[in-house]
Amino acid sequence: MSMLTPPGMGGQYRITGDKYPRMRPPRRRGRLAFVVLASVAALGLIGWGTLQLIDVFTGGEKTPAAGRASDCRTKASPAAQVATALPKPGEITVNVYNATARAGLAKATADELKKRGFRIGDVGNASKEFDKKVKGTGILVGPASALNTSLPVLATQLAGAERRTDAARKGAGLDLIIGDGFKNLTRRTAADQALAKLTTAGQTPATPKKKNC
């Protein structure tokens, strides 16, 4: 037994040589670090939960900075505000030509078109280019600019008519050339419905354009 060993103590507390007994328990650094990390995580969860509750009660909307509220308003694109405007029957001049062997068709057809609001130009027999050569109900001829404007409007009055454009044609007037398959113009009620549908389809509503805030 060493002289440093207290009386009555032996075994693991027996001191030999120059070693001294450890009377203090070992430090628990690992447990302390775990407690700190757990506390930080808990605080983070509490903060996140608070933000979620704020979003629920406020609707998740952010108030724009002062003086910039007008920047976040919904604006319409200038190009989208322009609607495709189709001409009205009173703005369309129609020349009526008869390409059949039946007399009187051009005048009777022109009179009916006039009642429906169209302007009437020339009325008579078709040129040699079309005379006795149109097998269908008729042919509608106009300038290239009329392809998606006045030609569709006139086409509502004669179902099944062929549409043609002539790039060299001068003026905005249209030709209605009556063919062998012609009987009558489309019934007025049906023509009015087709014209109303065409006008509605030709109007493009403005598309709102939102600006990021």
N, C-alpha and C. Protein backbone atom coordinates (compact mmCIF):
# COMPACT_ATOMS: atom_id res chain seq x y z
N MET A 1 0.85 -1.20 0.00
CA MET A 1 0.00 0.00 0.00
C MET A 1 0.87 1.23 0.00
N SER A 2 0.47 2.21 -0.80
CA SER A 2 1.25 3.44 -0.86
C SER A 2 0.99 4.28 0.36
N MET A 3 1.90 5.11 0.66
CA MET A 3 1.75 6.01 1.80
C MET A 3 0.67 7.05 1.54
N LEU A 4 0.29 7.23 0.23
CA LEU A 4 -0.75 8.22 -0.09
C LEU A 4 -2.14 7.64 0.03
N THR A 5 -2.25 6.36 0.21
CA THR A 5 -3.57 5.73 0.31
C THR A 5 -4.17 6.01 1.67
N PRO A 6 -5.38 6.63 1.70
CA PRO A 6 -6.02 6.89 3.01
C PRO A 6 -6.30 5.57 3.73
N PRO A 7 -6.29 5.67 5.03
CA PRO A 7 -6.54 4.45 5.83
C PRO A 7 -7.93 3.89 5.53
N GLY A 8 -7.99 2.58 5.44
CA GLY A 8 -9.26 1.90 5.22
C GLY A 8 -9.71 1.89 3.79
N MET A 9 -8.94 2.43 2.88
CA MET A 9 -9.33 2.44 1.47
C MET A 9 -8.41 1.56 0.68
N GLY A 10 -8.99 0.79 -0.14
CA GLY A 10 -8.21 -0.12 -0.97
C GLY A 10 -8.91 -0.37 -2.28
N GLY A 11 -8.59 -1.43 -2.92
CA GLY A 11 -9.26 -1.77 -4.18
C GLY A 11 -8.98 -0.72 -5.24
N GLN A 12 -10.11 -0.20 -5.81
CA GLN A 12 -9.93 0.74 -6.92
C GLN A 12 -9.41 2.08 -6.44
N TYR A 13 -9.51 2.35 -5.13
CA TYR A 13 -9.00 3.60 -4.60
C TYR A 13 -7.60 3.47 -4.05
N ARG A 14 -7.06 2.34 -4.25
CA ARG A 14 -5.68 2.14 -3.78
C ARG A 14 -4.74 2.88 -4.69
N ILE A 15 -3.92 3.67 -4.09
CA ILE A 15 -3.00 4.52 -4.84
C ILE A 15 -1.64 3.88 -4.85
N THR A 16 -1.15 3.71 -6.05
CA THR A 16 0.20 3.16 -6.18
C THR A 16 0.99 4.11 -7.03
N GLY A 17 2.19 4.26 -6.74
CA GLY A 17 3.08 5.12 -7.50
C GLY A 17 2.70 6.57 -7.34
N ASP A 18 2.64 7.33 -8.47
CA ASP A 18 2.33 8.77 -8.42
C ASP A 18 0.94 9.09 -8.94
N LYS A 19 -0.03 8.15 -9.02
CA LYS A 19 -1.40 8.38 -9.48
C LYS A 19 -2.31 8.75 -8.34
N TYR A 20 -3.28 9.63 -8.65
CA TYR A 20 -4.24 10.09 -7.66
C TYR A 20 -5.64 9.65 -8.05
N PRO A 21 -6.47 9.37 -7.09
CA PRO A 21 -7.84 8.92 -7.44
C PRO A 21 -8.67 10.06 -8.03
N ARG A 22 -9.52 9.73 -9.07
CA ARG A 22 -10.45 10.71 -9.64
C ARG A 22 -11.72 10.70 -8.82
N MET A 23 -11.96 11.74 -8.06
CA MET A 23 -13.12 11.81 -7.17
C MET A 23 -14.32 12.47 -7.85
N ARG A 24 -14.05 13.15 -9.08
CA ARG A 24 -15.18 13.82 -9.77
C ARG A 24 -15.68 12.95 -10.92
N PRO A 25 -16.99 12.98 -11.16
CA PRO A 25 -17.52 12.22 -12.32
C PRO A 25 -17.04 12.86 -13.61
N PRO A 26 -16.92 12.13 -14.73
CA PRO A 26 -16.47 12.68 -16.01
C PRO A 26 -17.48 13.69 -16.56
N ARG A 27 -16.94 14.70 -17.30
CA ARG A 27 -17.80 15.72 -17.87
C ARG A 27 -18.71 15.14 -18.95
N ARG A 28 -19.94 15.65 -19.00
CA ARG A 28 -20.91 15.15 -19.96
C ARG A 28 -21.12 16.17 -21.08
N ARG A 29 -20.08 16.38 -21.85
CA ARG A 29 -20.16 17.37 -22.93
C ARG A 29 -21.13 16.95 -24.04
N GLY A 30 -21.18 15.66 -24.33
CA GLY A 30 -22.07 15.19 -25.39
C GLY A 30 -23.52 15.49 -25.08
N ARG A 31 -23.92 15.26 -23.83
CA ARG A 31 -25.30 15.52 -23.46
C ARG A 31 -25.62 17.02 -23.52
N LEU A 32 -24.68 17.86 -23.12
CA LEU A 32 -24.89 19.30 -23.17
C LEU A 32 -25.08 19.78 -24.60
N ALA A 33 -24.28 19.29 -25.55
CA ALA A 33 -24.41 19.68 -26.95
C ALA A 33 -25.76 19.26 -27.51
N PHE A 34 -26.22 18.06 -27.14
CA PHE A 34 -27.52 17.58 -27.60
C PHE A 34 -28.65 18.48 -27.12
N VAL A 35 -28.57 18.92 -25.84
CA VAL A 35 -29.59 19.79 -25.28
C VAL A 35 -29.64 21.12 -26.03
N VAL A 36 -28.46 21.68 -26.36
CA VAL A 36 -28.40 22.96 -27.08
C VAL A 36 -29.03 22.84 -28.46
N LEU A 37 -28.67 21.77 -29.20
CA LEU A 37 -29.23 21.57 -30.54
C LEU A 37 -30.73 21.38 -30.50
N ALA A 38 -31.21 20.63 -29.52
CA ALA A 38 -32.64 20.42 -29.38
C ALA A 38 -33.38 21.72 -29.11
N SER A 39 -32.77 22.60 -28.31
CA SER A 39 -33.39 23.89 -28.00
C SER A 39 -33.48 24.76 -29.25
N VAL A 40 -32.40 24.77 -30.03
CA VAL A 40 -32.40 25.58 -31.26
C VAL A 40 -33.47 25.08 -32.23
N ALA A 41 -33.56 23.74 -32.38
CA ALA A 41 -34.55 23.17 -33.28
C ALA A 41 -35.97 23.51 -32.83
N ALA A 42 -36.21 23.46 -31.52
CA ALA A 42 -37.54 23.78 -31.00
C ALA A 42 -37.91 25.23 -31.26
N LEU A 43 -36.94 26.14 -31.07
CA LEU A 43 -37.20 27.56 -31.35
C LEU A 43 -37.50 27.78 -32.82
N GLY A 44 -36.78 27.07 -33.71
CA GLY A 44 -37.03 27.19 -35.14
C GLY A 44 -38.42 26.74 -35.52
N LEU A 45 -38.86 25.62 -34.94
CA LEU A 45 -40.21 25.13 -35.23
C LEU A 45 -41.28 26.09 -34.74
N ILE A 46 -41.04 26.67 -33.57
CA ILE A 46 -42.00 27.63 -33.04
C ILE A 46 -42.11 28.85 -33.95
N GLY A 47 -40.96 29.34 -34.42
CA GLY A 47 -40.98 30.49 -35.33
C GLY A 47 -41.68 30.19 -36.64
N TRP A 48 -41.41 29.00 -37.20
CA TRP A 48 -42.05 28.61 -38.47
C TRP A 48 -43.56 28.49 -38.31
N GLY A 49 -43.97 27.90 -37.18
CA GLY A 49 -45.40 27.75 -36.92
C GLY A 49 -46.08 29.10 -36.78
N THR A 50 -45.39 30.07 -36.18
CA THR A 50 -45.96 31.41 -36.03
C THR A 50 -46.19 32.07 -37.39
N LEU A 51 -45.20 31.91 -38.30
CA LEU A 51 -45.35 32.46 -39.65
C LEU A 51 -46.52 31.83 -40.39
N GLN A 52 -46.69 30.51 -40.23
CA GLN A 52 -47.80 29.84 -40.89
C GLN A 52 -49.14 30.35 -40.39
N LEU A 53 -49.24 30.59 -39.09
CA LEU A 53 -50.49 31.11 -38.52
C LEU A 53 -50.77 32.51 -39.06
N ILE A 54 -49.72 33.32 -39.21
CA ILE A 54 -49.91 34.68 -39.74
C ILE A 54 -50.43 34.62 -41.17
N ASP A 55 -49.85 33.68 -41.98
CA ASP A 55 -50.31 33.54 -43.37
C ASP A 55 -51.77 33.11 -43.44
N VAL A 56 -52.18 32.23 -42.53
CA VAL A 56 -53.56 31.74 -42.52
C VAL A 56 -54.53 32.88 -42.26
N PHE A 57 -54.22 33.73 -41.28
CA PHE A 57 -55.14 34.79 -40.89
C PHE A 57 -55.07 36.01 -41.79
N THR A 58 -53.98 36.19 -42.49
CA THR A 58 -53.85 37.34 -43.40
C THR A 58 -54.09 36.97 -44.84
N GLY A 59 -54.29 35.67 -45.15
CA GLY A 59 -54.54 35.24 -46.52
C GLY A 59 -53.27 35.14 -47.34
N GLY A 60 -52.13 35.27 -46.72
CA GLY A 60 -50.86 35.11 -47.42
C GLY A 60 -50.54 36.25 -48.35
N GLU A 61 -51.25 37.40 -48.22
CA GLU A 61 -51.02 38.52 -49.10
C GLU A 61 -50.02 39.47 -48.46
N LYS A 62 -49.17 40.02 -49.33
CA LYS A 62 -48.19 40.98 -48.87
C LYS A 62 -48.65 42.38 -49.25
N THR A 63 -48.48 43.30 -48.33
CA THR A 63 -48.85 44.68 -48.58
C THR A 63 -47.77 45.34 -49.39
N PRO A 64 -48.09 45.93 -50.56
CA PRO A 64 -47.06 46.56 -51.37
C PRO A 64 -46.45 47.74 -50.66
N ALA A 65 -45.23 48.04 -50.99
CA ALA A 65 -44.53 49.15 -50.36
C ALA A 65 -45.25 50.44 -50.64
N ALA A 66 -45.14 51.40 -49.70
CA ALA A 66 -45.82 52.67 -49.85
C ALA A 66 -45.33 53.38 -51.10
N GLY A 67 -46.29 53.95 -51.84
CA GLY A 67 -45.91 54.67 -53.05
C GLY A 67 -45.79 53.79 -54.27
N ARG A 68 -45.91 52.45 -54.11
CA ARG A 68 -45.78 51.55 -55.24
C ARG A 68 -47.03 50.72 -55.47
N ALA A 69 -48.14 51.09 -54.83
CA ALA A 69 -49.37 50.31 -54.96
C ALA A 69 -49.85 50.29 -56.40
N SER A 70 -49.66 51.41 -57.12
CA SER A 70 -50.14 51.46 -58.49
C SER A 70 -49.36 50.54 -59.41
N ASP A 71 -48.12 50.19 -59.04
CA ASP A 71 -47.31 49.31 -59.88
C ASP A 71 -47.84 47.90 -59.92
N CYS A 72 -48.65 47.51 -58.92
CA CYS A 72 -49.13 46.14 -58.82
C CYS A 72 -50.54 45.99 -59.38
N ARG A 73 -51.09 47.03 -59.96
CA ARG A 73 -52.44 46.92 -60.52
C ARG A 73 -52.42 46.12 -61.80
N THR A 74 -53.55 45.47 -62.05
CA THR A 74 -53.68 44.70 -63.28
C THR A 74 -53.83 45.64 -64.46
N LYS A 75 -53.00 45.43 -65.48
CA LYS A 75 -53.02 46.26 -66.67
C LYS A 75 -53.36 45.41 -67.88
N ALA A 76 -54.01 46.01 -68.85
CA ALA A 76 -54.37 45.30 -70.08
C ALA A 76 -53.36 45.63 -71.15
N SER A 77 -52.97 44.62 -71.86
CA SER A 77 -52.02 44.81 -72.96
C SER A 77 -52.67 45.65 -74.05
N PRO A 78 -52.01 46.69 -74.56
CA PRO A 78 -52.60 47.53 -75.61
C PRO A 78 -53.00 46.73 -76.83
N ALA A 79 -52.19 45.71 -77.19
CA ALA A 79 -52.51 44.90 -78.37
C ALA A 79 -53.78 44.10 -78.15
N ALA A 80 -54.02 43.66 -76.88
CA ALA A 80 -55.19 42.84 -76.60
C ALA A 80 -56.47 43.65 -76.58
N GLN A 81 -56.34 45.00 -76.42
CA GLN A 81 -57.53 45.84 -76.35
C GLN A 81 -58.13 46.08 -77.74
N VAL A 82 -57.38 45.79 -78.77
CA VAL A 82 -57.87 46.01 -80.13
C VAL A 82 -58.67 44.80 -80.58
N ALA A 83 -59.94 44.96 -80.80
CA ALA A 83 -60.80 43.85 -81.24
C ALA A 83 -60.88 43.83 -82.76
N THR A 84 -61.07 42.65 -83.31
CA THR A 84 -61.21 42.50 -84.75
C THR A 84 -62.60 42.99 -85.14
N ALA A 85 -62.68 44.13 -85.82
CA ALA A 85 -63.96 44.74 -86.17
C ALA A 85 -64.35 44.33 -87.58
N LEU A 86 -65.46 43.65 -87.70
CA LEU A 86 -65.98 43.26 -89.01
C LEU A 86 -66.89 44.37 -89.54
N PRO A 87 -66.87 44.63 -90.83
CA PRO A 87 -67.74 45.67 -91.39
C PRO A 87 -69.21 45.27 -91.30
N LYS A 88 -70.05 46.26 -91.17
CA LYS A 88 -71.49 46.02 -91.18
C LYS A 88 -71.98 45.91 -92.63
N PRO A 89 -73.11 45.28 -92.86
CA PRO A 89 -73.63 45.17 -94.23
C PRO A 89 -73.72 46.51 -94.95
N GLY A 90 -74.07 47.57 -94.23
CA GLY A 90 -74.19 48.88 -94.85
C GLY A 90 -72.87 49.47 -95.29
N GLU A 91 -71.78 48.87 -94.87
CA GLU A 91 -70.44 49.33 -95.25
C GLU A 91 -69.86 48.52 -96.40
N ILE A 92 -70.63 47.57 -96.91
CA ILE A 92 -70.14 46.67 -97.97
C ILE A 92 -70.94 46.90 -99.25
N THR A 93 -70.21 47.17 -100.34
CA THR A 93 -70.85 47.32 -101.65
C THR A 93 -70.74 46.02 -102.42
N VAL A 94 -71.88 45.53 -102.91
CA VAL A 94 -71.92 44.24 -103.59
C VAL A 94 -72.38 44.44 -105.04
N ASN A 95 -71.58 43.92 -105.98
CA ASN A 95 -71.97 43.85 -107.39
C ASN A 95 -72.56 42.46 -107.63
N VAL A 96 -73.74 42.41 -108.21
CA VAL A 96 -74.42 41.12 -108.41
C VAL A 96 -74.44 40.79 -109.91
N TYR A 97 -73.88 39.61 -110.23
CA TYR A 97 -73.81 39.19 -111.64
C TYR A 97 -74.42 37.81 -111.80
N ASN A 98 -75.12 37.63 -112.89
CA ASN A 98 -75.80 36.35 -113.18
C ASN A 98 -74.99 35.56 -114.21
N ALA A 99 -74.51 34.39 -113.79
CA ALA A 99 -73.72 33.54 -114.70
C ALA A 99 -74.54 32.37 -115.21
N THR A 100 -75.85 32.40 -115.00
CA THR A 100 -76.71 31.30 -115.44
C THR A 100 -77.52 31.73 -116.68
N ALA A 101 -78.29 30.77 -117.21
CA ALA A 101 -79.16 31.06 -118.36
C ALA A 101 -80.53 31.57 -117.91
N ARG A 102 -80.76 31.63 -116.61
CA ARG A 102 -82.05 32.08 -116.09
C ARG A 102 -82.04 33.60 -115.96
N ALA A 103 -83.00 34.21 -116.56
CA ALA A 103 -83.07 35.67 -116.56
C ALA A 103 -83.65 36.21 -115.25
N GLY A 104 -83.21 37.41 -114.87
CA GLY A 104 -83.80 38.10 -113.71
C GLY A 104 -83.18 37.76 -112.37
N LEU A 105 -82.27 36.80 -112.31
CA LEU A 105 -81.72 36.41 -111.01
C LEU A 105 -80.87 37.51 -110.38
N ALA A 106 -80.10 38.20 -111.16
CA ALA A 106 -79.22 39.24 -110.62
C ALA A 106 -80.02 40.35 -109.95
N LYS A 107 -81.06 40.85 -110.63
CA LYS A 107 -81.85 41.94 -110.05
C LYS A 107 -82.61 41.51 -108.80
N ALA A 108 -83.23 40.32 -108.86
CA ALA A 108 -83.98 39.84 -107.69
C ALA A 108 -83.06 39.65 -106.49
N THR A 109 -81.87 39.11 -106.75
CA THR A 109 -80.91 38.89 -105.66
C THR A 109 -80.40 40.22 -105.11
N ALA A 110 -80.14 41.16 -106.00
CA ALA A 110 -79.66 42.48 -105.56
C ALA A 110 -80.72 43.19 -104.71
N ASP A 111 -81.98 43.08 -105.10
CA ASP A 111 -83.06 43.71 -104.33
C ASP A 111 -83.14 43.12 -102.92
N GLU A 112 -82.97 41.80 -102.82
CA GLU A 112 -83.05 41.15 -101.49
C GLU A 112 -81.85 41.55 -100.63
N LEU A 113 -80.69 41.62 -101.22
CA LEU A 113 -79.51 42.05 -100.46
C LEU A 113 -79.66 43.49 -99.96
N LYS A 114 -80.29 44.32 -100.79
CA LYS A 114 -80.51 45.70 -100.38
C LYS A 114 -81.44 45.77 -99.17
N LYS A 115 -82.45 44.91 -99.15
CA LYS A 115 -83.36 44.85 -98.01
C LYS A 115 -82.64 44.43 -96.74
N ARG A 116 -81.58 43.65 -96.91
CA ARG A 116 -80.82 43.15 -95.75
C ARG A 116 -79.71 44.12 -95.32
N GLY A 117 -79.69 45.28 -95.96
CA GLY A 117 -78.77 46.32 -95.51
C GLY A 117 -77.51 46.51 -96.32
N PHE A 118 -77.28 45.71 -97.34
CA PHE A 118 -76.06 45.84 -98.14
C PHE A 118 -76.22 46.95 -99.18
N ARG A 119 -75.10 47.55 -99.54
CA ARG A 119 -75.08 48.51 -100.63
C ARG A 119 -74.98 47.74 -101.96
N ILE A 120 -75.66 48.21 -102.94
CA ILE A 120 -75.66 47.52 -104.24
C ILE A 120 -74.93 48.38 -105.27
N GLY A 121 -74.01 47.72 -105.98
CA GLY A 121 -73.28 48.40 -107.05
C GLY A 121 -73.83 48.03 -108.40
N ASP A 122 -73.01 47.38 -109.20
CA ASP A 122 -73.44 46.96 -110.54
C ASP A 122 -74.33 45.72 -110.48
N VAL A 123 -75.29 45.64 -111.38
CA VAL A 123 -76.18 44.48 -111.49
C VAL A 123 -76.29 44.13 -112.97
N GLY A 124 -76.03 42.82 -113.30
CA GLY A 124 -76.12 42.43 -114.70
C GLY A 124 -75.61 41.02 -114.92
N ASN A 125 -75.25 40.74 -116.16
CA ASN A 125 -74.75 39.41 -116.51
C ASN A 125 -73.25 39.30 -116.19
N ALA A 126 -72.83 38.09 -115.92
CA ALA A 126 -71.42 37.85 -115.59
C ALA A 126 -70.55 37.97 -116.83
N SER A 127 -69.29 38.20 -116.60
CA SER A 127 -68.32 38.31 -117.70
C SER A 127 -68.08 36.93 -118.32
N LYS A 128 -67.39 36.91 -119.46
CA LYS A 128 -67.11 35.65 -120.15
C LYS A 128 -66.31 34.68 -119.28
N GLU A 129 -65.54 35.24 -118.39
CA GLU A 129 -64.74 34.39 -117.50
C GLU A 129 -65.60 33.47 -116.67
N PHE A 130 -66.82 33.92 -116.31
CA PHE A 130 -67.70 33.15 -115.43
C PHE A 130 -69.01 32.71 -116.09
N ASP A 131 -69.39 33.34 -117.18
CA ASP A 131 -70.70 33.07 -117.79
C ASP A 131 -70.84 31.58 -118.16
N LYS A 132 -71.89 30.96 -117.62
CA LYS A 132 -72.20 29.55 -117.84
C LYS A 132 -71.10 28.60 -117.34
N LYS A 133 -70.24 29.08 -116.48
CA LYS A 133 -69.12 28.26 -116.01
C LYS A 133 -69.14 28.03 -114.50
N VAL A 134 -70.12 28.56 -113.81
CA VAL A 134 -70.20 28.42 -112.36
C VAL A 134 -71.25 27.35 -112.04
N LYS A 135 -70.81 26.20 -111.56
CA LYS A 135 -71.72 25.08 -111.32
C LYS A 135 -72.35 25.12 -109.92
N GLY A 136 -71.67 25.75 -108.98
CA GLY A 136 -72.18 25.77 -107.61
C GLY A 136 -73.22 26.87 -107.41
N THR A 137 -73.49 27.17 -106.15
CA THR A 137 -74.48 28.21 -105.85
C THR A 137 -74.00 29.59 -106.26
N GLY A 138 -72.68 29.82 -106.16
CA GLY A 138 -72.16 31.12 -106.54
C GLY A 138 -70.72 31.29 -106.13
N ILE A 139 -70.12 32.39 -106.56
CA ILE A 139 -68.74 32.72 -106.22
C ILE A 139 -68.71 34.15 -105.68
N LEU A 140 -68.00 34.34 -104.58
CA LEU A 140 -67.82 35.67 -104.00
C LEU A 140 -66.38 36.09 -104.26
N VAL A 141 -66.21 37.24 -104.88
CA VAL A 141 -64.87 37.72 -105.24
C VAL A 141 -64.64 39.08 -104.61
N GLY A 142 -63.44 39.26 -104.04
CA GLY A 142 -63.10 40.54 -103.43
C GLY A 142 -61.60 40.74 -103.38
N PRO A 143 -61.14 41.89 -102.93
CA PRO A 143 -59.70 42.14 -102.80
C PRO A 143 -59.10 41.29 -101.69
N ALA A 144 -57.77 41.22 -101.65
CA ALA A 144 -57.10 40.41 -100.63
C ALA A 144 -57.45 40.87 -99.23
N SER A 145 -57.67 42.16 -99.05
CA SER A 145 -57.99 42.70 -97.73
C SER A 145 -59.36 42.26 -97.23
N ALA A 146 -60.20 41.72 -98.11
CA ALA A 146 -61.56 41.32 -97.73
C ALA A 146 -61.64 39.88 -97.25
N LEU A 147 -60.53 39.16 -97.31
CA LEU A 147 -60.56 37.72 -96.99
C LEU A 147 -61.14 37.44 -95.62
N ASN A 148 -60.74 38.19 -94.61
CA ASN A 148 -61.23 37.94 -93.25
C ASN A 148 -62.11 39.07 -92.73
N THR A 149 -62.62 39.89 -93.65
CA THR A 149 -63.47 41.00 -93.22
C THR A 149 -64.83 40.98 -93.93
N SER A 150 -64.91 41.59 -95.10
CA SER A 150 -66.21 41.71 -95.78
C SER A 150 -66.66 40.43 -96.46
N LEU A 151 -65.74 39.62 -96.95
CA LEU A 151 -66.14 38.36 -97.61
C LEU A 151 -66.89 37.43 -96.66
N PRO A 152 -66.42 37.19 -95.43
CA PRO A 152 -67.19 36.34 -94.51
C PRO A 152 -68.57 36.90 -94.20
N VAL A 153 -68.67 38.22 -94.15
CA VAL A 153 -69.98 38.84 -93.87
C VAL A 153 -70.95 38.55 -95.01
N LEU A 154 -70.51 38.75 -96.25
CA LEU A 154 -71.38 38.47 -97.39
C LEU A 154 -71.69 36.98 -97.52
N ALA A 155 -70.74 36.14 -97.12
CA ALA A 155 -70.94 34.69 -97.21
C ALA A 155 -72.06 34.20 -96.31
N THR A 156 -72.42 34.95 -95.29
CA THR A 156 -73.54 34.54 -94.43
C THR A 156 -74.87 34.59 -95.19
N GLN A 157 -74.90 35.30 -96.31
CA GLN A 157 -76.14 35.46 -97.07
C GLN A 157 -76.30 34.39 -98.15
N LEU A 158 -75.21 33.69 -98.47
CA LEU A 158 -75.29 32.65 -99.51
C LEU A 158 -74.45 31.45 -99.08
N ALA A 159 -75.10 30.50 -98.42
CA ALA A 159 -74.39 29.32 -97.91
C ALA A 159 -73.81 28.50 -99.06
N GLY A 160 -72.60 28.04 -98.87
CA GLY A 160 -71.96 27.19 -99.86
C GLY A 160 -71.27 27.93 -100.99
N ALA A 161 -71.29 29.24 -100.96
CA ALA A 161 -70.64 30.01 -102.03
C ALA A 161 -69.13 29.94 -101.89
N GLU A 162 -68.46 29.87 -103.02
CA GLU A 162 -66.99 29.83 -103.04
C GLU A 162 -66.46 31.25 -102.84
N ARG A 163 -65.36 31.36 -102.09
CA ARG A 163 -64.76 32.67 -101.86
C ARG A 163 -63.42 32.77 -102.58
N ARG A 164 -63.23 33.88 -103.25
CA ARG A 164 -61.97 34.12 -103.96
C ARG A 164 -61.50 35.54 -103.71
N THR A 165 -60.18 35.71 -103.74
CA THR A 165 -59.60 37.05 -103.63
C THR A 165 -58.74 37.32 -104.85
N ASP A 166 -58.65 38.60 -105.18
CA ASP A 166 -57.86 39.02 -106.34
C ASP A 166 -56.94 40.14 -105.89
N ALA A 167 -55.62 39.85 -105.85
CA ALA A 167 -54.66 40.84 -105.36
C ALA A 167 -54.61 42.07 -106.25
N ALA A 168 -54.94 41.91 -107.53
CA ALA A 168 -54.87 43.03 -108.47
C ALA A 168 -56.17 43.85 -108.48
N ARG A 169 -57.13 43.42 -107.72
CA ARG A 169 -58.44 44.10 -107.73
C ARG A 169 -58.34 45.44 -107.02
N LYS A 170 -58.97 46.45 -107.57
CA LYS A 170 -58.99 47.78 -106.99
C LYS A 170 -60.33 48.04 -106.29
N GLY A 171 -60.27 48.80 -105.22
CA GLY A 171 -61.48 49.11 -104.48
C GLY A 171 -61.84 48.02 -103.47
N ALA A 172 -62.82 48.32 -102.65
CA ALA A 172 -63.23 47.39 -101.59
C ALA A 172 -64.52 46.65 -101.91
N GLY A 173 -65.11 46.90 -103.07
CA GLY A 173 -66.37 46.25 -103.43
C GLY A 173 -66.21 44.76 -103.68
N LEU A 174 -67.32 44.04 -103.53
CA LEU A 174 -67.33 42.59 -103.71
C LEU A 174 -68.24 42.23 -104.89
N ASP A 175 -67.94 41.08 -105.49
CA ASP A 175 -68.80 40.55 -106.56
C ASP A 175 -69.50 39.29 -106.07
N LEU A 176 -70.80 39.21 -106.29
CA LEU A 176 -71.54 37.99 -106.04
C LEU A 176 -71.97 37.46 -107.41
N ILE A 177 -71.37 36.35 -107.83
CA ILE A 177 -71.64 35.77 -109.14
C ILE A 177 -72.54 34.55 -108.94
N ILE A 178 -73.74 34.61 -109.45
CA ILE A 178 -74.73 33.55 -109.25
C ILE A 178 -74.43 32.38 -110.17
N GLY A 179 -74.41 31.17 -109.58
CA GLY A 179 -74.11 29.96 -110.35
C GLY A 179 -75.35 29.11 -110.62
N ASP A 180 -75.13 28.02 -111.34
CA ASP A 180 -76.25 27.14 -111.73
C ASP A 180 -76.94 26.50 -110.51
N GLY A 181 -76.21 26.29 -109.42
CA GLY A 181 -76.80 25.66 -108.25
C GLY A 181 -77.57 26.62 -107.36
N PHE A 182 -77.68 27.87 -107.77
CA PHE A 182 -78.36 28.88 -106.95
C PHE A 182 -79.88 28.70 -107.01
N LYS A 183 -80.52 28.78 -105.85
CA LYS A 183 -81.98 28.77 -105.77
C LYS A 183 -82.46 30.06 -105.12
N ASN A 184 -81.97 30.29 -103.92
CA ASN A 184 -82.31 31.52 -103.20
C ASN A 184 -81.16 31.86 -102.25
N LEU A 185 -81.19 33.09 -101.79
CA LEU A 185 -80.24 33.45 -100.73
C LEU A 185 -80.61 32.68 -99.46
N THR A 186 -79.69 32.58 -98.54
CA THR A 186 -79.97 31.94 -97.25
C THR A 186 -81.13 32.67 -96.57
N ARG A 187 -82.04 31.89 -95.96
CA ARG A 187 -83.17 32.52 -95.27
C ARG A 187 -82.67 33.63 -94.35
N ARG A 188 -83.40 34.71 -94.30
CA ARG A 188 -82.90 35.89 -93.59
C ARG A 188 -82.66 35.62 -92.10
N THR A 189 -83.55 34.86 -91.46
CA THR A 189 -83.35 34.57 -90.04
C THR A 189 -82.06 33.79 -89.82
N ALA A 190 -81.82 32.79 -90.68
CA ALA A 190 -80.60 32.00 -90.56
C ALA A 190 -79.37 32.84 -90.87
N ALA A 191 -79.49 33.74 -91.87
CA ALA A 191 -78.37 34.62 -92.22
C ALA A 191 -78.05 35.59 -91.09
N ASP A 192 -79.09 36.10 -90.45
CA ASP A 192 -78.88 37.03 -89.32
C ASP A 192 -78.20 36.32 -88.16
N GLN A 193 -78.61 35.08 -87.91
CA GLN A 193 -77.97 34.32 -86.83
C GLN A 193 -76.51 34.04 -87.14
N ALA A 194 -76.22 33.68 -88.39
CA ALA A 194 -74.83 33.42 -88.79
C ALA A 194 -73.99 34.68 -88.70
N LEU A 195 -74.58 35.82 -89.06
CA LEU A 195 -73.86 37.09 -89.00
C LEU A 195 -73.58 37.48 -87.55
N ALA A 196 -74.56 37.26 -86.67
CA ALA A 196 -74.36 37.59 -85.25
C ALA A 196 -73.27 36.71 -84.64
N LYS A 197 -73.28 35.44 -84.99
CA LYS A 197 -72.27 34.52 -84.49
C LYS A 197 -70.88 34.91 -85.00
N LEU A 198 -70.82 35.29 -86.26
CA LEU A 198 -69.54 35.69 -86.87
C LEU A 198 -69.00 36.95 -86.19
N THR A 199 -69.89 37.91 -85.92
CA THR A 199 -69.47 39.15 -85.29
C THR A 199 -68.96 38.90 -83.88
N THR A 200 -69.65 38.02 -83.14
CA THR A 200 -69.22 37.71 -81.78
C THR A 200 -67.87 37.01 -81.78
N ALA A 201 -67.68 36.08 -82.71
CA ALA A 201 -66.41 35.36 -82.79
C ALA A 201 -65.27 36.26 -83.21
N GLY A 202 -65.58 37.33 -83.95
CA GLY A 202 -64.54 38.23 -84.43
C GLY A 202 -64.08 39.24 -83.41
N GLN A 203 -64.76 39.32 -82.26
CA GLN A 203 -64.39 40.27 -81.22
C GLN A 203 -63.51 39.57 -80.20
N THR A 204 -62.26 40.00 -80.10
CA THR A 204 -61.30 39.41 -79.16
C THR A 204 -61.30 40.21 -77.88
N PRO A 205 -61.71 39.62 -76.74
CA PRO A 205 -61.71 40.38 -75.49
C PRO A 205 -60.31 40.73 -75.05
N ALA A 206 -60.18 41.86 -74.35
CA ALA A 206 -58.88 42.29 -73.84
C ALA A 206 -58.37 41.31 -72.80
N THR A 207 -57.11 40.96 -72.87
CA THR A 207 -56.50 40.02 -71.94
C THR A 207 -55.75 40.78 -70.86
N PRO A 208 -56.16 40.64 -69.59
CA PRO A 208 -55.46 41.37 -68.53
C PRO A 208 -54.01 40.90 -68.45
N LYS A 209 -53.14 41.86 -68.19
CA LYS A 209 -51.72 41.54 -68.05
C LYS A 209 -51.28 41.98 -66.66
N LYS A 210 -50.88 41.02 -65.86
CA LYS A 210 -50.49 41.31 -64.49
C LYS A 210 -49.00 41.60 -64.40
N LYS A 211 -48.67 42.56 -63.58
CA LYS A 211 -47.28 42.91 -63.38
C LYS A 211 -46.83 42.41 -62.03
N ASN A 212 -45.68 41.77 -62.00
CA ASN A 212 -45.16 41.22 -60.76
C ASN A 212 -44.86 42.34 -59.79
N CYS A 213 -45.25 42.13 -58.53
CA CYS A 213 -45.01 43.15 -57.50
C CYS A 213 -43.70 42.87 -56.77
